[in-house]
């Protein structure tokens, strides 16, 4: 019995489909990795913004405490009230 030197069209098509599926999944993984990279960069930026905002808030609170004493601030009205000790 001699061996054939060519695949059948259905065998060739099956290999093409499997190869396409492999490369499509690799492309999707690459897209996800790129999206994750961008999200991680955005997360790092937001963490820096948060850290800076917290630093500026604490500095402003210290300045106001030196000026007005340790008070509670109503952020809607700006009214100051005494802090209740627990």
PDB file of N, CA and C in Angstrom:
ATOM      1  N   UNK A   1       0.854  -1.181   0.000  1.00  0.00           N
ATOM      2  CA  UNK A   1       0.000   0.000   0.000  1.00  0.00           C
ATOM      3  C   UNK A   1       0.893   1.235   0.000  1.00  0.00           C
ATOM      4  N   UNK A   2       0.677   2.118  -0.937  1.00  0.00           N
ATOM      5  CA  UNK A   2       1.509   3.305  -1.030  1.00  0.00           C
ATOM      6  C   UNK A   2       0.912   4.442  -0.219  1.00  0.00           C
ATOM      7  N   UNK A   3       1.809   5.249   0.314  1.00  0.00           N
ATOM      8  CA  UNK A   3       1.358   6.399   1.093  1.00  0.00           C
ATOM      9  C   UNK A   3       1.031   7.547   0.139  1.00  0.00           C
ATOM     10  N   UNK A   4      -0.020   8.263   0.472  1.00  0.00           N
ATOM     11  CA  UNK A   4      -0.407   9.419  -0.345  1.00  0.00           C
ATOM     12  C   UNK A   4       0.546  10.575  -0.085  1.00  0.00           C
ATOM     13  N   UNK A   5       0.740  11.407  -1.057  1.00  0.00           N
ATOM     14  CA  UNK A   5       1.644  12.549  -0.913  1.00  0.00           C
ATOM     15  C   UNK A   5       0.897  13.861  -0.767  1.00  0.00           C
ATOM     16  N   UNK A   6      -0.415  13.787  -0.541  1.00  0.00           N
ATOM     17  CA  UNK A   6      -1.200  15.006  -0.404  1.00  0.00           C
ATOM     18  C   UNK A   6      -2.378  14.743   0.525  1.00  0.00           C
ATOM     19  N   UNK A   7      -2.693  15.753   1.345  1.00  0.00           N
ATOM     20  CA  UNK A   7      -3.860  15.645   2.221  1.00  0.00           C
ATOM     21  C   UNK A   7      -5.128  15.795   1.416  1.00  0.00           C
ATOM     22  N   UNK A   8      -6.186  15.259   1.964  1.00  0.00           N
ATOM     23  CA  UNK A   8      -7.481  15.483   1.326  1.00  0.00           C
ATOM     24  C   UNK A   8      -7.884  16.931   1.580  1.00  0.00           C
ATOM     25  N   UNK A   9      -8.814  17.421   0.813  1.00  0.00           N
ATOM     26  CA  UNK A   9      -9.260  18.810   0.996  1.00  0.00           C
ATOM     27  C   UNK A   9      -9.886  19.004   2.372  1.00  0.00           C
ATOM     28  N   UNK A  10     -10.592  18.005   2.883  1.00  0.00           N
ATOM     29  CA  UNK A  10     -11.194  18.144   4.221  1.00  0.00           C
ATOM     30  C   UNK A  10     -10.120  18.142   5.306  1.00  0.00           C
ATOM     31  N   UNK A  11      -9.062  17.361   5.130  1.00  0.00           N
ATOM     32  CA  UNK A  11      -7.955  17.368   6.098  1.00  0.00           C
ATOM     33  C   UNK A  11      -7.232  18.719   6.070  1.00  0.00           C
ATOM     34  N   UNK A  12      -7.003  19.222   4.870  1.00  0.00           N
ATOM     35  CA  UNK A  12      -6.355  20.527   4.732  1.00  0.00           C
ATOM     36  C   UNK A  12      -7.212  21.623   5.351  1.00  0.00           C
ATOM     37  N   UNK A  13      -8.504  21.575   5.093  1.00  0.00           N
ATOM     38  CA  UNK A  13      -9.419  22.579   5.653  1.00  0.00           C
ATOM     39  C   UNK A  13      -9.450  22.499   7.180  1.00  0.00           C
ATOM     40  N   UNK A  14      -9.443  21.286   7.712  1.00  0.00           N
ATOM     41  CA  UNK A  14      -9.446  21.117   9.174  1.00  0.00           C
ATOM     42  C   UNK A  14      -8.181  21.718   9.777  1.00  0.00           C
ATOM     43  N   UNK A  15      -7.032  21.462   9.152  1.00  0.00           N
ATOM     44  CA  UNK A  15      -5.781  22.047   9.650  1.00  0.00           C
ATOM     45  C   UNK A  15      -5.802  23.568   9.563  1.00  0.00           C
ATOM     46  N   UNK A  16      -6.323  24.101   8.457  1.00  0.00           N
ATOM     47  CA  UNK A  16      -6.432  25.561   8.321  1.00  0.00           C
ATOM     48  C   UNK A  16      -7.301  26.140   9.433  1.00  0.00           C
ATOM     49  N   UNK A  17      -8.440  25.497   9.686  1.00  0.00           N
ATOM     50  CA  UNK A  17      -9.368  26.000  10.712  1.00  0.00           C
ATOM     51  C   UNK A  17      -8.723  25.955  12.094  1.00  0.00           C
ATOM     52  N   UNK A  18      -8.025  24.859  12.397  1.00  0.00           N
ATOM     53  CA  UNK A  18      -7.360  24.756  13.699  1.00  0.00           C
ATOM     54  C   UNK A  18      -6.226  25.772  13.825  1.00  0.00           C
ATOM     55  N   UNK A  19      -5.479  25.971  12.764  1.00  0.00           N
ATOM     56  CA  UNK A  19      -4.403  26.955  12.763  1.00  0.00           C
ATOM     57  C   UNK A  19      -4.964  28.363  12.956  1.00  0.00           C
ATOM     58  N   UNK A  20      -6.065  28.679  12.280  1.00  0.00           N
ATOM     59  CA  UNK A  20      -6.712  29.988  12.422  1.00  0.00           C
ATOM     60  C   UNK A  20      -7.203  30.184  13.853  1.00  0.00           C
ATOM     61  N   UNK A  21      -7.792  29.131  14.420  1.00  0.00           N
ATOM     62  CA  UNK A  21      -8.268  29.216  15.801  1.00  0.00           C
ATOM     63  C   UNK A  21      -7.107  29.488  16.753  1.00  0.00           C
ATOM     64  N   UNK A  22      -5.976  28.828  16.517  1.00  0.00           N
ATOM     65  CA  UNK A  22      -4.793  29.043  17.344  1.00  0.00           C
ATOM     66  C   UNK A  22      -4.315  30.487  17.263  1.00  0.00           C
ATOM     67  N   UNK A  23      -4.168  31.002  16.054  1.00  0.00           N
ATOM     68  CA  UNK A  23      -3.680  32.377  15.885  1.00  0.00           C
ATOM     69  C   UNK A  23      -4.693  33.411  16.361  1.00  0.00           C
ATOM     70  N   UNK A  24      -5.975  33.143  16.175  1.00  0.00           N
ATOM     71  CA  UNK A  24      -7.009  34.064  16.677  1.00  0.00           C
ATOM     72  C   UNK A  24      -6.956  34.154  18.199  1.00  0.00           C
ATOM     73  N   UNK A  25      -6.795  32.999  18.850  1.00  0.00           N
ATOM     74  CA  UNK A  25      -6.731  33.028  20.320  1.00  0.00           C
ATOM     75  C   UNK A  25      -5.470  33.746  20.787  1.00  0.00           C
ATOM     76  N   UNK A  26      -4.355  33.564  20.064  1.00  0.00           N
ATOM     77  CA  UNK A  26      -3.125  34.281  20.425  1.00  0.00           C
ATOM     78  C   UNK A  26      -3.309  35.786  20.245  1.00  0.00           C
ATOM     79  N   UNK A  27      -3.994  36.192  19.195  1.00  0.00           N
ATOM     80  CA  UNK A  27      -4.250  37.617  18.967  1.00  0.00           C
ATOM     81  C   UNK A  27      -5.126  38.198  20.071  1.00  0.00           C
ATOM     82  N   UNK A  28      -6.135  37.431  20.484  1.00  0.00           N
ATOM     83  CA  UNK A  28      -7.012  37.904  21.561  1.00  0.00           C
ATOM     84  C   UNK A  28      -6.255  38.025  22.876  1.00  0.00           C
ATOM     85  N   UNK A  29      -5.360  37.075  23.131  1.00  0.00           N
ATOM     86  CA  UNK A  29      -4.528  37.163  24.342  1.00  0.00           C
ATOM     87  C   UNK A  29      -3.675  38.427  24.280  1.00  0.00           C
ATOM     88  N   UNK A  30      -3.110  38.715  23.120  1.00  0.00           N
ATOM     89  CA  UNK A  30      -2.316  39.932  22.958  1.00  0.00           C
ATOM     90  C   UNK A  30      -3.134  41.186  23.194  1.00  0.00           C
ATOM     91  N   UNK A  31      -4.359  41.214  22.680  1.00  0.00           N
ATOM     92  CA  UNK A  31      -5.245  42.363  22.900  1.00  0.00           C
ATOM     93  C   UNK A  31      -5.547  42.539  24.381  1.00  0.00           C
ATOM     94  N   UNK A  32      -5.796  41.419  25.061  1.00  0.00           N
ATOM     95  CA  UNK A  32      -6.084  41.494  26.497  1.00  0.00           C
ATOM     96  C   UNK A  32      -4.865  41.977  27.283  1.00  0.00           C
ATOM     97  N   UNK A  33      -3.693  41.487  26.904  1.00  0.00           N
ATOM     98  CA  UNK A  33      -2.472  41.929  27.582  1.00  0.00           C
ATOM     99  C   UNK A  33      -2.261  43.431  27.389  1.00  0.00           C
ATOM    100  N   UNK A  34      -2.526  43.916  26.186  1.00  0.00           N
ATOM    101  CA  UNK A  34      -2.387  45.346  25.924  1.00  0.00           C
ATOM    102  C   UNK A  34      -3.390  46.136  26.758  1.00  0.00           C
ATOM    103  N   UNK A  35      -4.620  45.640  26.826  1.00  0.00           N
ATOM    104  CA  UNK A  35      -5.644  46.310  27.640  1.00  0.00           C
ATOM    105  C   UNK A  35      -5.244  46.302  29.111  1.00  0.00           C
ATOM    106  N   UNK A  36      -4.726  45.176  29.600  1.00  0.00           N
ATOM    107  CA  UNK A  36      -4.278  45.105  30.994  1.00  0.00           C
ATOM    108  C   UNK A  36      -3.131  46.068  31.256  1.00  0.00           C
ATOM    109  N   UNK A  37      -2.214  46.167  30.310  1.00  0.00           N
ATOM    110  CA  UNK A  37      -1.100  47.108  30.428  1.00  0.00           C
ATOM    111  C   UNK A  37      -1.626  48.533  30.574  1.00  0.00           C
ATOM    112  N   UNK A  38      -2.567  48.901  29.712  1.00  0.00           N
ATOM    113  CA  UNK A  38      -3.159  50.248  29.783  1.00  0.00           C
ATOM    114  C   UNK A  38      -3.906  50.463  31.086  1.00  0.00           C
ATOM    115  N   UNK A  39      -4.649  49.449  31.531  1.00  0.00           N
ATOM    116  CA  UNK A  39      -5.381  49.576  32.798  1.00  0.00           C
ATOM    117  C   UNK A  39      -4.420  49.713  33.971  1.00  0.00           C
ATOM    118  N   UNK A  40      -3.336  48.951  33.965  1.00  0.00           N
ATOM    119  CA  UNK A  40      -2.361  49.061  35.046  1.00  0.00           C
ATOM    120  C   UNK A  40      -1.696  50.425  35.058  1.00  0.00           C
ATOM    121  N   UNK A  41      -1.426  50.982  33.871  1.00  0.00           N
ATOM    122  CA  UNK A  41      -0.869  52.342  33.814  1.00  0.00           C
ATOM    123  C   UNK A  41      -1.859  53.352  34.364  1.00  0.00           C
ATOM    124  N   UNK A  42      -3.127  53.226  33.987  1.00  0.00           N
ATOM    125  CA  UNK A  42      -4.159  54.143  34.481  1.00  0.00           C
ATOM    126  C   UNK A  42      -4.304  54.004  35.994  1.00  0.00           C
ATOM    127  N   UNK A  43      -4.263  52.765  36.479  1.00  0.00           N
ATOM    128  CA  UNK A  43      -4.355  52.526  37.930  1.00  0.00           C
ATOM    129  C   UNK A  43      -3.200  53.212  38.653  1.00  0.00           C
ATOM    130  N   UNK A  44      -1.987  53.090  38.111  1.00  0.00           N
ATOM    131  CA  UNK A  44      -0.820  53.732  38.734  1.00  0.00           C
ATOM    132  C   UNK A  44      -0.984  55.249  38.758  1.00  0.00           C
ATOM    133  N   UNK A  45      -1.497  55.825  37.670  1.00  0.00           N
ATOM    134  CA  UNK A  45      -1.746  57.273  37.622  1.00  0.00           C
ATOM    135  C   UNK A  45      -2.762  57.686  38.683  1.00  0.00           C
ATOM    136  N   UNK A  46      -3.840  56.913  38.818  1.00  0.00           N
ATOM    137  CA  UNK A  46      -4.879  57.241  39.792  1.00  0.00           C
ATOM    138  C   UNK A  46      -4.362  57.109  41.221  1.00  0.00           C
ATOM    139  N   UNK A  47      -3.515  56.121  41.455  1.00  0.00           N
ATOM    140  CA  UNK A  47      -2.928  55.969  42.793  1.00  0.00           C
ATOM    141  C   UNK A  47      -2.052  57.173  43.115  1.00  0.00           C
ATOM    142  N   UNK A  48      -1.286  57.661  42.121  1.00  0.00           N
ATOM    143  CA  UNK A  48      -0.459  58.857  42.336  1.00  0.00           C
ATOM    144  C   UNK A  48      -1.331  60.078  42.615  1.00  0.00           C
ATOM    145  N   UNK A  49      -2.426  60.225  41.855  1.00  0.00           N
ATOM    146  CA  UNK A  49      -3.340  61.344  42.081  1.00  0.00           C
ATOM    147  C   UNK A  49      -3.947  61.266  43.474  1.00  0.00           C
ATOM    148  N   UNK A  50      -4.345  60.069  43.875  1.00  0.00           N
ATOM    149  CA  UNK A  50      -4.948  59.868  45.193  1.00  0.00           C
ATOM    150  C   UNK A  50      -3.943  60.223  46.289  1.00  0.00           C
ATOM    151  N   UNK A  51      -2.722  59.755  46.133  1.00  0.00           N
ATOM    152  CA  UNK A  51      -1.686  60.029  47.133  1.00  0.00           C
ATOM    153  C   UNK A  51      -1.415  61.526  47.238  1.00  0.00           C
ATOM    154  N   UNK A  52      -1.329  62.197  46.102  1.00  0.00           N
ATOM    155  CA  UNK A  52      -1.094  63.643  46.115  1.00  0.00           C
ATOM    156  C   UNK A  52      -2.270  64.385  46.734  1.00  0.00           C
ATOM    157  N   UNK A  53      -3.492  63.997  46.381  1.00  0.00           N
ATOM    158  CA  UNK A  53      -4.684  64.655  46.941  1.00  0.00           C
ATOM    159  C   UNK A  53      -4.737  64.469  48.453  1.00  0.00           C
ATOM    160  N   UNK A  54      -4.415  63.253  48.913  1.00  0.00           N
ATOM    161  CA  UNK A  54      -4.427  62.998  50.363  1.00  0.00           C
ATOM    162  C   UNK A  54      -3.381  63.860  51.054  1.00  0.00           C
ATOM    163  N   UNK A  55      -2.192  63.986  50.446  1.00  0.00           N
ATOM    164  CA  UNK A  55      -1.120  64.810  51.013  1.00  0.00           C
ATOM    165  C   UNK A  55      -1.554  66.269  51.119  1.00  0.00           C
ATOM    166  N   UNK A  56      -2.151  66.806  50.030  1.00  0.00           N
ATOM    167  CA  UNK A  56      -2.598  68.205  50.035  1.00  0.00           C
ATOM    168  C   UNK A  56      -3.747  68.419  51.024  1.00  0.00           C
ATOM    169  N   UNK A  57      -4.647  67.441  51.128  1.00  0.00           N
ATOM    170  CA  UNK A  57      -5.748  67.537  52.083  1.00  0.00           C
ATOM    171  C   UNK A  57      -5.216  67.576  53.511  1.00  0.00           C
ATOM    172  N   UNK A  58      -4.285  66.706  53.819  1.00  0.00           N
ATOM    173  CA  UNK A  58      -3.717  66.676  55.167  1.00  0.00           C
ATOM    174  C   UNK A  58      -2.994  67.982  55.493  1.00  0.00           C
ATOM    175  N   UNK A  59      -2.288  68.530  54.516  1.00  0.00           N
ATOM    176  CA  UNK A  59      -1.594  69.809  54.738  1.00  0.00           C
ATOM    177  C   UNK A  59      -2.602  70.924  54.976  1.00  0.00           C
ATOM    178  N   UNK A  60      -3.689  70.931  54.186  1.00  0.00           N
ATOM    179  CA  UNK A  60      -4.721  71.964  54.361  1.00  0.00           C
ATOM    180  C   UNK A  60      -5.419  71.802  55.711  1.00  0.00           C
ATOM    181  N   UNK A  61      -5.691  70.566  56.102  1.00  0.00           N
ATOM    182  CA  UNK A  61      -6.320  70.326  57.401  1.00  0.00           C
ATOM    183  C   UNK A  61      -5.424  70.812  58.535  1.00  0.00           C
ATOM    184  N   UNK A  62      -4.133  70.594  58.410  1.00  0.00           N
ATOM    185  CA  UNK A  62      -3.189  71.048  59.441  1.00  0.00           C
ATOM    186  C   UNK A  62      -3.188  72.570  59.524  1.00  0.00           C
ATOM    187  N   UNK A  63      -3.168  73.230  58.357  1.00  0.00           N
ATOM    188  CA  UNK A  63      -3.184  74.693  58.320  1.00  0.00           C
ATOM    189  C   UNK A  63      -4.453  75.239  58.971  1.00  0.00           C
ATOM    190  N   UNK A  64      -5.601  74.643  58.641  1.00  0.00           N
ATOM    191  CA  UNK A  64      -6.872  75.105  59.207  1.00  0.00           C
ATOM    192  C   UNK A  64      -6.965  74.811  60.697  1.00  0.00           C
ATOM    193  N   UNK A  65      -6.408  73.673  61.128  1.00  0.00           N
ATOM    194  CA  UNK A  65      -6.416  73.345  62.560  1.00  0.00           C
ATOM    195  C   UNK A  65      -5.569  74.335  63.343  1.00  0.00           C
ATOM    196  N   UNK A  66      -4.457  74.777  62.749  1.00  0.00           N
ATOM    197  CA  UNK A  66      -3.623  75.781  63.419  1.00  0.00           C
ATOM    198  C   UNK A  66      -4.356  77.116  63.513  1.00  0.00           C
ATOM    199  N   UNK A  67      -5.159  77.427  62.511  1.00  0.00           N
ATOM    200  CA  UNK A  67      -5.874  78.704  62.482  1.00  0.00           C
ATOM    201  C   UNK A  67      -7.126  78.670  63.362  1.00  0.00           C
ATOM    202  N   UNK A  68      -7.906  77.575  63.300  1.00  0.00           N
ATOM    203  CA  UNK A  68      -9.203  77.522  63.977  1.00  0.00           C
ATOM    204  C   UNK A  68      -9.252  76.555  65.152  1.00  0.00           C
ATOM    205  N   UNK A  69      -8.221  75.772  65.341  1.00  0.00           N
ATOM    206  CA  UNK A  69      -8.252  74.737  66.369  1.00  0.00           C
ATOM    207  C   UNK A  69      -8.849  73.459  65.766  1.00  0.00           C
ATOM    208  N   UNK A  70      -8.855  72.406  66.571  1.00  0.00           N
ATOM    209  CA  UNK A  70      -9.378  71.112  66.121  1.00  0.00           C
ATOM    210  C   UNK A  70     -10.907  71.179  66.102  1.00  0.00           C
ATOM    211  N   UNK A  71     -11.456  71.385  64.955  1.00  0.00           N
ATOM    212  CA  UNK A  71     -12.908  71.525  64.795  1.00  0.00           C
ATOM    213  C   UNK A  71     -13.394  70.537  63.739  1.00  0.00           C
ATOM    214  N   UNK A  72     -14.701  70.286  63.759  1.00  0.00           N
ATOM    215  CA  UNK A  72     -15.358  69.540  62.688  1.00  0.00           C
ATOM    216  C   UNK A  72     -15.833  70.550  61.660  1.00  0.00           C
ATOM    217  N   UNK A  73     -15.719  70.209  60.403  1.00  0.00           N
ATOM    218  CA  UNK A  73     -16.114  71.113  59.329  1.00  0.00           C
ATOM    219  C   UNK A  73     -17.298  70.513  58.580  1.00  0.00           C
ATOM    220  N   UNK A  74     -18.339  71.316  58.438  1.00  0.00           N
ATOM    221  CA  UNK A  74     -19.453  70.926  57.579  1.00  0.00           C
ATOM    222  C   UNK A  74     -19.051  71.335  56.165  1.00  0.00           C
ATOM    223  N   UNK A  75     -18.785  70.355  55.311  1.00  0.00           N
ATOM    224  CA  UNK A  75     -18.293  70.659  53.966  1.00  0.00           C
ATOM    225  C   UNK A  75     -19.331  71.333  53.086  1.00  0.00           C
ATOM    226  N   UNK A  76     -20.594  71.246  53.440  1.00  0.00           N
ATOM    227  CA  UNK A  76     -21.654  71.917  52.669  1.00  0.00           C
ATOM    228  C   UNK A  76     -21.694  73.409  52.974  1.00  0.00           C
ATOM    229  N   UNK A  77     -21.539  73.756  54.256  1.00  0.00           N
ATOM    230  CA  UNK A  77     -21.719  75.162  54.664  1.00  0.00           C
ATOM    231  C   UNK A  77     -20.423  75.846  55.073  1.00  0.00           C
ATOM    232  N   UNK A  78     -19.394  75.065  55.430  1.00  0.00           N
ATOM    233  CA  UNK A  78     -18.156  75.649  55.943  1.00  0.00           C
ATOM    234  C   UNK A  78     -18.233  75.955  57.429  1.00  0.00           C
ATOM    235  N   UNK A  79     -19.366  75.638  58.080  1.00  0.00           N
ATOM    236  CA  UNK A  79     -19.518  75.878  59.514  1.00  0.00           C
ATOM    237  C   UNK A  79     -18.593  74.978  60.311  1.00  0.00           C
ATOM    238  N   UNK A  80     -18.063  75.544  61.390  1.00  0.00           N
ATOM    239  CA  UNK A  80     -17.170  74.805  62.281  1.00  0.00           C
ATOM    240  C   UNK A  80     -17.896  74.509  63.581  1.00  0.00           C
ATOM    241  N   UNK A  81     -17.690  73.298  64.079  1.00  0.00           N
ATOM    242  CA  UNK A  81     -18.243  72.916  65.390  1.00  0.00           C
ATOM    243  C   UNK A  81     -17.151  72.199  66.160  1.00  0.00           C
ATOM    244  N   UNK A  82     -17.353  72.206  67.481  1.00  0.00           N
ATOM    245  CA  UNK A  82     -16.374  71.517  68.341  1.00  0.00           C
ATOM    246  C   UNK A  82     -16.405  70.021  68.072  1.00  0.00           C
ATOM    247  N   UNK A  83     -15.237  69.394  68.119  1.00  0.00           N
ATOM    248  CA  UNK A  83     -15.161  67.936  67.973  1.00  0.00           C
ATOM    249  C   UNK A  83     -15.586  67.309  69.281  1.00  0.00           C
ATOM    250  N   UNK A  84     -16.330  66.230  69.183  1.00  0.00           N
ATOM    251  CA  UNK A  84     -16.767  65.489  70.364  1.00  0.00           C
ATOM    252  C   UNK A  84     -15.744  64.416  70.640  1.00  0.00           C
ATOM    253  N   UNK A  85     -15.190  64.419  71.868  1.00  0.00           N
ATOM    254  CA  UNK A  85     -14.211  63.389  72.240  1.00  0.00           C
ATOM    255  C   UNK A  85     -14.945  62.117  72.600  1.00  0.00           C
ATOM    256  N   UNK A  86     -14.359  60.989  72.210  1.00  0.00           N
ATOM    257  CA  UNK A  86     -15.010  59.713  72.551  1.00  0.00           C
ATOM    258  C   UNK A  86     -14.331  59.012  73.662  1.00  0.00           C
TER     259      UNK A  86
END
